[in-house]
Amino acid sequence: MQSTQLPFTTDNRDEATKRLGLIVLSADETIEGEFRPLFDREDLALYHTRIRTAPDVTPETLMRMKDGLTGAAALLPETGSMDVIGYACTSGATVIGSDAVAAAVRKAHSAVAVTNPASAVIAALDHLNVSKIGVVSPYVESVSEAVCALLRDHGFDPVRIGSFGQAEEAVVARIAHQSVQDAVCTIGEDPDVEAVFASCTNLRTFKVIEACEQQLGKPVISSNLALAWHMMKLAGLETRGHGPGRLFND
């Protein structure tokens, strides 16, 4: 058998490309599928890593992720520099705190911009210029209330709240699109609600956002929608027309 040493050249394949990283929960079955079409564009590269999380969602299990954030971030490519890293857990970021999340991630990637769905939804609601929010949560009351408290702390008023009352991630990932659409529209039909926020990266929302907005005549955002938009914004990328709903088209 003859072995031939083959010649090759290298190039700067990412020279004009923004490099984004996503820390996904081990229990999450939704966000990668929803992100894929939005991030399939020539001006960015998206890399994924995973962080271990419990199958049930409580404030205690969410806080445990804090110690794993640096290690998860360190598994993203070290060649070149990452522009933005997103930690894909609304409730986890709410319980741990956005500043603590960013500090943990920057132990692995010191110069990176860091966001999460909790920070992203605040930025998105500010962008949409709304204050009275309807909230749809899949989780138990203690987790849902933490998200509502975060909104209040940033000057928003969660005037109508609905929850599926679930603690198991595997159940959340399988809540039907029609159930999500019905829930968003039920919460959003309240005349005091100016926009609806569907919380949780594991809740499937992208296929119903525009239908809900058309029915309600109001903006609808989800954790995944806000996170995708905010990551692109922080990277200096164009967002208009690159996702569903008013957030990506206002």
C-alpha atoms as a PDB file:
ATOM      1  CA  MET A   1       0.000   0.000   0.000  1.00  0.00           C
ATOM      2  CA  GLN A   2       1.399   3.366  -1.033  1.00  0.00           C
ATOM      3  CA  SER A   3       0.776   6.449   1.077  1.00  0.00           C
ATOM      4  CA  THR A   4       0.885   9.892  -0.546  1.00  0.00           C
ATOM      5  CA  GLN A   5       1.432  13.126   1.322  1.00  0.00           C
ATOM      6  CA  LEU A   6      -1.167  15.520  -0.147  1.00  0.00           C
ATOM      7  CA  PRO A   7      -0.554  19.268  -0.439  1.00  0.00           C
ATOM      8  CA  PHE A   8      -2.991  21.803   0.954  1.00  0.00           C
ATOM      9  CA  THR A   9      -3.390  25.498   1.651  1.00  0.00           C
ATOM     10  CA  THR A  10      -5.247  27.306   4.410  1.00  0.00           C
ATOM     11  CA  ASP A  11      -7.358  30.430   4.321  1.00  0.00           C
ATOM     12  CA  ASN A  12      -9.070  32.773   6.735  1.00  0.00           C
ATOM     13  CA  ARG A  13     -12.456  31.102   6.394  1.00  0.00           C
ATOM     14  CA  ASP A  14     -13.998  33.209   9.150  1.00  0.00           C
ATOM     15  CA  GLU A  15     -12.372  36.507   8.194  1.00  0.00           C
ATOM     16  CA  ALA A  16     -15.685  38.256   7.447  1.00  0.00           C
ATOM     17  CA  THR A  17     -17.806  36.049   9.705  1.00  0.00           C
ATOM     18  CA  LYS A  18     -19.132  36.726  13.186  1.00  0.00           C
ATOM     19  CA  ARG A  19     -18.519  33.815  15.547  1.00  0.00           C
ATOM     20  CA  LEU A  20     -21.376  33.104  17.945  1.00  0.00           C
ATOM     21  CA  GLY A  21     -21.555  30.438  20.625  1.00  0.00           C
ATOM     22  CA  LEU A  22     -24.628  28.901  22.239  1.00  0.00           C
ATOM     23  CA  ILE A  23     -24.668  27.083  25.590  1.00  0.00           C
ATOM     24  CA  VAL A  24     -27.626  24.691  25.377  1.00  0.00           C
ATOM     25  CA  LEU A  25     -29.162  22.783  28.280  1.00  0.00           C
ATOM     26  CA  SER A  26     -28.651  19.028  28.140  1.00  0.00           C
ATOM     27  CA  ALA A  27     -32.443  18.652  28.469  1.00  0.00           C
ATOM     28  CA  ASP A  28     -33.278  21.146  25.698  1.00  0.00           C
ATOM     29  CA  GLU A  29     -34.752  19.608  22.541  1.00  0.00           C
ATOM     30  CA  THR A  30     -36.039  22.787  20.905  1.00  0.00           C
ATOM     31  CA  ILE A  31     -33.667  25.722  20.588  1.00  0.00           C
ATOM     32  CA  GLU A  32     -31.230  24.239  18.074  1.00  0.00           C
ATOM     33  CA  GLY A  33     -34.025  23.413  15.652  1.00  0.00           C
ATOM     34  CA  GLU A  34     -35.565  26.873  15.998  1.00  0.00           C
ATOM     35  CA  PHE A  35     -32.203  28.639  15.661  1.00  0.00           C
ATOM     36  CA  ARG A  36     -31.023  26.659  12.627  1.00  0.00           C
ATOM     37  CA  PRO A  37     -32.912  28.527   9.866  1.00  0.00           C
ATOM     38  CA  LEU A  38     -32.308  31.935  11.468  1.00  0.00           C
ATOM     39  CA  PHE A  39     -28.551  31.433  11.727  1.00  0.00           C
ATOM     40  CA  ASP A  40     -28.090  29.824   8.310  1.00  0.00           C
ATOM     41  CA  ARG A  41     -26.455  32.898   6.796  1.00  0.00           C
ATOM     42  CA  GLU A  42     -23.050  33.635   5.302  1.00  0.00           C
ATOM     43  CA  ASP A  43     -22.085  36.402   7.700  1.00  0.00           C
ATOM     44  CA  LEU A  44     -22.031  34.282  10.852  1.00  0.00           C
ATOM     45  CA  ALA A  45     -20.961  30.941  12.263  1.00  0.00           C
ATOM     46  CA  LEU A  46     -22.860  29.415  15.198  1.00  0.00           C
ATOM     47  CA  TYR A  47     -21.209  26.883  17.527  1.00  0.00           C
ATOM     48  CA  HIS A  48     -23.004  24.823  20.158  1.00  0.00           C
ATOM     49  CA  THR A  49     -21.988  23.364  23.499  1.00  0.00           C
ATOM     50  CA  ARG A  50     -24.105  21.746  26.203  1.00  0.00           C
ATOM     51  CA  ILE A  51     -24.399  22.111  29.951  1.00  0.00           C
ATOM     52  CA  ARG A  52     -25.706  19.436  32.293  1.00  0.00           C
ATOM     53  CA  THR A  53     -29.052  20.205  33.892  1.00  0.00           C
ATOM     54  CA  ALA A  54     -31.596  18.262  35.896  1.00  0.00           C
ATOM     55  CA  PRO A  55     -34.698  16.796  34.222  1.00  0.00           C
ATOM     56  CA  ASP A  56     -36.930  18.715  36.640  1.00  0.00           C
ATOM     57  CA  VAL A  57     -36.988  22.506  36.851  1.00  0.00           C
ATOM     58  CA  THR A  58     -36.895  24.184  40.267  1.00  0.00           C
ATOM     59  CA  PRO A  59     -34.964  27.208  41.548  1.00  0.00           C
ATOM     60  CA  GLU A  60     -32.564  24.779  43.239  1.00  0.00           C
ATOM     61  CA  THR A  61     -31.790  22.720  40.132  1.00  0.00           C
ATOM     62  CA  LEU A  62     -31.413  25.873  38.054  1.00  0.00           C
ATOM     63  CA  MET A  63     -28.841  27.348  40.454  1.00  0.00           C
ATOM     64  CA  ARG A  64     -26.714  24.192  40.170  1.00  0.00           C
ATOM     65  CA  MET A  65     -25.856  25.122  36.596  1.00  0.00           C
ATOM     66  CA  LYS A  66     -23.772  28.088  37.781  1.00  0.00           C
ATOM     67  CA  ASP A  67     -20.758  25.905  38.524  1.00  0.00           C
ATOM     68  CA  GLY A  68     -20.868  24.313  35.063  1.00  0.00           C
ATOM     69  CA  LEU A  69     -21.007  27.456  32.951  1.00  0.00           C
ATOM     70  CA  THR A  70     -17.273  28.066  32.625  1.00  0.00           C
ATOM     71  CA  GLY A  71     -16.585  24.470  31.630  1.00  0.00           C
ATOM     72  CA  ALA A  72     -19.373  24.474  29.064  1.00  0.00           C
ATOM     73  CA  ALA A  73     -18.142  27.744  27.556  1.00  0.00           C
ATOM     74  CA  ALA A  74     -14.598  26.376  27.403  1.00  0.00           C
ATOM     75  CA  LEU A  75     -15.769  23.657  25.008  1.00  0.00           C
ATOM     76  CA  LEU A  76     -16.539  26.256  22.337  1.00  0.00           C
ATOM     77  CA  PRO A  77     -13.747  26.717  19.740  1.00  0.00           C
ATOM     78  CA  GLU A  78     -10.691  28.566  21.007  1.00  0.00           C
ATOM     79  CA  THR A  79      -9.284  29.328  17.548  1.00  0.00           C
ATOM     80  CA  GLY A  80      -9.968  32.977  16.822  1.00  0.00           C
ATOM     81  CA  SER A  81     -12.238  34.896  19.156  1.00  0.00           C
ATOM     82  CA  MET A  82     -15.937  34.458  19.837  1.00  0.00           C
ATOM     83  CA  ASP A  83     -18.012  37.600  19.290  1.00  0.00           C
ATOM     84  CA  VAL A  84     -21.075  36.638  21.342  1.00  0.00           C
ATOM     85  CA  ILE A  85     -21.963  33.717  23.591  1.00  0.00           C
ATOM     86  CA  GLY A  86     -25.553  33.060  24.618  1.00  0.00           C
ATOM     87  CA  TYR A  87     -26.533  30.965  27.637  1.00  0.00           C
ATOM     88  CA  ALA A  88     -29.832  29.446  26.576  1.00  0.00           C
ATOM     89  CA  CYS A  89     -31.870  29.273  29.747  1.00  0.00           C
ATOM     90  CA  THR A  90     -34.387  31.937  30.730  1.00  0.00           C
ATOM     91  CA  SER A  91     -35.099  30.636  34.210  1.00  0.00           C
ATOM     92  CA  GLY A  92     -31.484  29.676  34.864  1.00  0.00           C
ATOM     93  CA  ALA A  93     -30.261  33.160  33.994  1.00  0.00           C
ATOM     94  CA  THR A  94     -33.020  34.644  36.138  1.00  0.00           C
ATOM     95  CA  VAL A  95     -32.087  32.562  39.189  1.00  0.00           C
ATOM     96  CA  ILE A  96     -28.290  32.745  38.744  1.00  0.00           C
ATOM     97  CA  GLY A  97     -28.276  36.378  37.621  1.00  0.00           C
ATOM     98  CA  SER A  98     -27.149  37.755  34.275  1.00  0.00           C
ATOM     99  CA  ASP A  99     -23.978  39.309  35.708  1.00  0.00           C
ATOM    100  CA  ALA A 100     -22.943  36.024  37.306  1.00  0.00           C
ATOM    101  CA  VAL A 101     -23.615  34.163  34.041  1.00  0.00           C
ATOM    102  CA  ALA A 102     -21.461  36.621  32.098  1.00  0.00           C
ATOM    103  CA  ALA A 103     -18.639  36.423  34.640  1.00  0.00           C
ATOM    104  CA  ALA A 104     -18.598  32.626  34.486  1.00  0.00           C
ATOM    105  CA  VAL A 105     -18.564  32.560  30.676  1.00  0.00           C
ATOM    106  CA  ARG A 106     -15.768  35.154  30.495  1.00  0.00           C
ATOM    107  CA  LYS A 107     -13.496  32.965  32.567  1.00  0.00           C
ATOM    108  CA  ALA A 108     -13.248  30.871  29.399  1.00  0.00           C
ATOM    109  CA  HIS A 109     -13.639  33.645  26.762  1.00  0.00           C
ATOM    110  CA  SER A 110     -12.511  36.873  28.365  1.00  0.00           C
ATOM    111  CA  ALA A 111     -13.452  39.445  25.719  1.00  0.00           C
ATOM    112  CA  VAL A 112     -16.779  38.028  24.574  1.00  0.00           C
ATOM    113  CA  ALA A 113     -20.193  39.709  24.733  1.00  0.00           C
ATOM    114  CA  VAL A 114     -22.539  37.515  26.773  1.00  0.00           C
ATOM    115  CA  THR A 115     -26.322  37.356  26.769  1.00  0.00           C
ATOM    116  CA  ASN A 116     -29.143  35.042  27.813  1.00  0.00           C
ATOM    117  CA  PRO A 117     -32.916  34.987  27.288  1.00  0.00           C
ATOM    118  CA  ALA A 118     -33.589  36.998  30.457  1.00  0.00           C
ATOM    119  CA  SER A 119     -31.339  39.852  29.295  1.00  0.00           C
ATOM    120  CA  ALA A 120     -32.519  39.442  25.716  1.00  0.00           C
ATOM    121  CA  VAL A 121     -36.219  39.740  26.506  1.00  0.00           C
ATOM    122  CA  ILE A 122     -35.607  42.946  28.465  1.00  0.00           C
ATOM    123  CA  ALA A 123     -33.773  44.382  25.454  1.00  0.00           C
ATOM    124  CA  ALA A 124     -36.519  43.153  23.098  1.00  0.00           C
ATOM    125  CA  LEU A 125     -39.353  44.670  25.149  1.00  0.00           C
ATOM    126  CA  ASP A 126     -37.469  47.959  25.308  1.00  0.00           C
ATOM    127  CA  HIS A 127     -37.011  47.819  21.534  1.00  0.00           C
ATOM    128  CA  LEU A 128     -40.737  47.223  21.038  1.00  0.00           C
ATOM    129  CA  ASN A 129     -41.551  50.087  23.442  1.00  0.00           C
ATOM    130  CA  VAL A 130     -44.086  48.126  25.504  1.00  0.00           C
ATOM    131  CA  SER A 131     -44.531  47.952  29.262  1.00  0.00           C
ATOM    132  CA  LYS A 132     -47.624  45.876  30.096  1.00  0.00           C
ATOM    133  CA  ILE A 133     -46.747  42.260  29.393  1.00  0.00           C
ATOM    134  CA  GLY A 134     -48.683  39.014  29.188  1.00  0.00           C
ATOM    135  CA  VAL A 135     -46.526  36.054  30.223  1.00  0.00           C
ATOM    136  CA  VAL A 136     -46.903  32.433  29.139  1.00  0.00           C
ATOM    137  CA  SER A 137     -44.727  30.026  31.126  1.00  0.00           C
ATOM    138  CA  PRO A 138     -44.550  26.248  30.978  1.00  0.00           C
ATOM    139  CA  TYR A 139     -43.199  25.957  34.512  1.00  0.00           C
ATOM    140  CA  VAL A 140     -44.317  25.598  38.116  1.00  0.00           C
ATOM    141  CA  GLU A 141     -45.283  28.745  40.019  1.00  0.00           C
ATOM    142  CA  SER A 142     -41.961  29.282  41.813  1.00  0.00           C
ATOM    143  CA  VAL A 143     -40.059  29.408  38.512  1.00  0.00           C
ATOM    144  CA  SER A 144     -42.715  31.425  36.673  1.00  0.00           C
ATOM    145  CA  GLU A 145     -42.840  33.996  39.471  1.00  0.00           C
ATOM    146  CA  ALA A 146     -39.063  34.484  39.326  1.00  0.00           C
ATOM    147  CA  VAL A 147     -39.388  35.464  35.648  1.00  0.00           C
ATOM    148  CA  CYS A 148     -42.224  37.874  36.448  1.00  0.00           C
ATOM    149  CA  ALA A 149     -40.165  39.391  39.281  1.00  0.00           C
ATOM    150  CA  LEU A 150     -37.341  39.988  36.808  1.00  0.00           C
ATOM    151  CA  LEU A 151     -39.727  41.859  34.508  1.00  0.00           C
ATOM    152  CA  ARG A 152     -40.956  43.991  37.390  1.00  0.00           C
ATOM    153  CA  ASP A 153     -37.393  44.786  38.456  1.00  0.00           C
ATOM    154  CA  HIS A 154     -36.774  46.226  34.973  1.00  0.00           C
ATOM    155  CA  GLY A 155     -39.887  48.385  34.910  1.00  0.00           C
ATOM    156  CA  PHE A 156     -42.306  46.067  33.119  1.00  0.00           C
ATOM    157  CA  ASP A 157     -45.723  45.112  34.410  1.00  0.00           C
ATOM    158  CA  PRO A 158     -46.759  41.463  33.930  1.00  0.00           C
ATOM    159  CA  VAL A 159     -50.490  42.162  33.958  1.00  0.00           C
ATOM    160  CA  ARG A 160     -51.610  38.670  32.869  1.00  0.00           C
ATOM    161  CA  ILE A 161     -49.809  35.410  33.588  1.00  0.00           C
ATOM    162  CA  GLY A 162     -50.578  31.885  32.423  1.00  0.00           C
ATOM    163  CA  SER A 163     -48.671  28.671  33.091  1.00  0.00           C
ATOM    164  CA  PHE A 164     -48.803  25.052  31.999  1.00  0.00           C
ATOM    165  CA  GLY A 165     -47.583  24.138  35.508  1.00  0.00           C
ATOM    166  CA  GLN A 166     -44.877  21.719  34.395  1.00  0.00           C
ATOM    167  CA  ALA A 167     -41.619  20.776  36.130  1.00  0.00           C
ATOM    168  CA  GLU A 168     -40.356  18.190  33.622  1.00  0.00           C
ATOM    169  CA  GLU A 169     -38.320  19.424  30.644  1.00  0.00           C
ATOM    170  CA  ALA A 170     -39.303  16.375  28.585  1.00  0.00           C
ATOM    171  CA  VAL A 171     -42.963  17.382  28.889  1.00  0.00           C
ATOM    172  CA  VAL A 172     -42.262  21.036  28.067  1.00  0.00           C
ATOM    173  CA  ALA A 173     -40.474  20.076  24.844  1.00  0.00           C
ATOM    174  CA  ARG A 174     -43.588  18.175  23.734  1.00  0.00           C
ATOM    175  CA  ILE A 175     -46.264  20.774  24.383  1.00  0.00           C
ATOM    176  CA  ALA A 176     -48.096  20.992  21.064  1.00  0.00           C
ATOM    177  CA  HIS A 177     -47.860  24.056  18.849  1.00  0.00           C
ATOM    178  CA  GLN A 178     -51.635  24.475  18.992  1.00  0.00           C
ATOM    179  CA  SER A 179     -51.554  24.507  22.787  1.00  0.00           C
ATOM    180  CA  VAL A 180     -48.855  27.184  22.721  1.00  0.00           C
ATOM    181  CA  GLN A 181     -50.819  29.253  20.205  1.00  0.00           C
ATOM    182  CA  ASP A 182     -54.020  28.937  22.229  1.00  0.00           C
ATOM    183  CA  ALA A 183     -52.207  29.928  25.421  1.00  0.00           C
ATOM    184  CA  VAL A 184     -50.515  32.970  23.868  1.00  0.00           C
ATOM    185  CA  CYS A 185     -53.780  34.179  22.349  1.00  0.00           C
ATOM    186  CA  THR A 186     -55.714  33.614  25.584  1.00  0.00           C
ATOM    187  CA  ILE A 187     -53.220  35.692  27.564  1.00  0.00           C
ATOM    188  CA  GLY A 188     -52.806  38.260  24.799  1.00  0.00           C
ATOM    189  CA  GLU A 189     -56.519  38.950  24.323  1.00  0.00           C
ATOM    190  CA  ASP A 190     -56.553  40.881  27.608  1.00  0.00           C
ATOM    191  CA  PRO A 191     -56.938  44.529  26.536  1.00  0.00           C
ATOM    192  CA  ASP A 192     -54.348  45.633  29.108  1.00  0.00           C
ATOM    193  CA  VAL A 193     -51.643  43.428  27.536  1.00  0.00           C
ATOM    194  CA  GLU A 194     -49.413  45.278  25.058  1.00  0.00           C
ATOM    195  CA  ALA A 195     -47.195  42.305  24.144  1.00  0.00           C
ATOM    196  CA  VAL A 196     -46.932  38.625  25.032  1.00  0.00           C
ATOM    197  CA  PHE A 197     -43.755  36.904  26.215  1.00  0.00           C
ATOM    198  CA  ALA A 198     -43.612  33.090  25.966  1.00  0.00           C
ATOM    199  CA  SER A 199     -40.854  32.045  28.356  1.00  0.00           C
ATOM    200  CA  CYS A 200     -38.534  28.993  28.087  1.00  0.00           C
ATOM    201  CA  THR A 201     -36.083  27.905  25.388  1.00  0.00           C
ATOM    202  CA  ASN A 202     -37.576  24.404  25.346  1.00  0.00           C
ATOM    203  CA  LEU A 203     -41.074  25.647  24.444  1.00  0.00           C
ATOM    204  CA  ARG A 204     -41.776  25.455  20.691  1.00  0.00           C
ATOM    205  CA  THR A 205     -42.935  28.873  19.514  1.00  0.00           C
ATOM    206  CA  PHE A 206     -41.467  29.901  16.149  1.00  0.00           C
ATOM    207  CA  LYS A 207     -44.203  28.279  14.067  1.00  0.00           C
ATOM    208  CA  VAL A 208     -46.993  30.154  15.864  1.00  0.00           C
ATOM    209  CA  ILE A 209     -45.538  33.613  16.552  1.00  0.00           C
ATOM    210  CA  GLU A 210     -46.781  35.263  13.359  1.00  0.00           C
ATOM    211  CA  ALA A 211     -50.213  33.614  13.572  1.00  0.00           C
ATOM    212  CA  CYS A 212     -50.567  34.850  17.157  1.00  0.00           C
ATOM    213  CA  GLU A 213     -49.485  38.367  16.200  1.00  0.00           C
ATOM    214  CA  GLN A 214     -51.978  38.426  13.345  1.00  0.00           C
ATOM    215  CA  GLN A 215     -54.797  37.288  15.627  1.00  0.00           C
ATOM    216  CA  LEU A 216     -53.905  39.626  18.492  1.00  0.00           C
ATOM    217  CA  GLY A 217     -52.556  42.634  16.645  1.00  0.00           C
ATOM    218  CA  LYS A 218     -49.773  42.761  19.248  1.00  0.00           C
ATOM    219  CA  PRO A 219     -46.097  41.749  19.370  1.00  0.00           C
ATOM    220  CA  VAL A 220     -45.328  38.218  20.529  1.00  0.00           C
ATOM    221  CA  ILE A 221     -41.823  37.226  21.551  1.00  0.00           C
ATOM    222  CA  SER A 222     -40.392  34.055  22.998  1.00  0.00           C
ATOM    223  CA  SER A 223     -37.177  33.224  24.825  1.00  0.00           C
ATOM    224  CA  ASN A 224     -35.622  31.793  21.679  1.00  0.00           C
ATOM    225  CA  LEU A 225     -36.768  34.653  19.469  1.00  0.00           C
ATOM    226  CA  ALA A 226     -35.421  37.296  21.856  1.00  0.00           C
ATOM    227  CA  LEU A 227     -32.126  35.438  22.354  1.00  0.00           C
ATOM    228  CA  ALA A 228     -31.515  35.000  18.619  1.00  0.00           C
ATOM    229  CA  TRP A 229     -32.304  38.675  17.978  1.00  0.00           C
ATOM    230  CA  HIS A 230     -30.104  39.916  20.822  1.00  0.00           C
ATOM    231  CA  MET A 231     -27.141  37.733  19.840  1.00  0.00           C
ATOM    232  CA  MET A 232     -27.309  39.133  16.305  1.00  0.00           C
ATOM    233  CA  LYS A 233     -27.637  42.680  17.632  1.00  0.00           C
ATOM    234  CA  LEU A 234     -24.631  42.313  19.928  1.00  0.00           C
ATOM    235  CA  ALA A 235     -22.613  40.915  17.011  1.00  0.00           C
ATOM    236  CA  GLY A 236     -23.503  43.935  14.874  1.00  0.00           C
ATOM    237  CA  LEU A 237     -25.480  41.846  12.399  1.00  0.00           C
ATOM    238  CA  GLU A 238     -28.578  42.920  10.473  1.00  0.00           C
ATOM    239  CA  THR A 239     -31.737  41.513  12.083  1.00  0.00           C
ATOM    240  CA  ARG A 240     -34.533  42.896   9.918  1.00  0.00           C
ATOM    241  CA  GLY A 241     -36.046  40.103   7.848  1.00  0.00           C
ATOM    242  CA  HIS A 242     -33.935  37.404   9.499  1.00  0.00           C
ATOM    243  CA  GLY A 243     -36.626  35.990  11.791  1.00  0.00           C
ATOM    244  CA  PRO A 244     -40.374  35.782  12.387  1.00  0.00           C
ATOM    245  CA  GLY A 245     -42.567  38.379  14.019  1.00  0.00           C
ATOM    246  CA  ARG A 246     -42.417  42.087  14.712  1.00  0.00           C
ATOM    247  CA  LEU A 247     -39.184  41.890  16.673  1.00  0.00           C
ATOM    248  CA  PHE A 248     -37.277  40.966  13.523  1.00  0.00           C
ATOM    249  CA  ASN A 249     -39.279  43.223  11.243  1.00  0.00           C
ATOM    250  CA  ASP A 250     -39.805  46.511  13.132  1.00  0.00           C
END
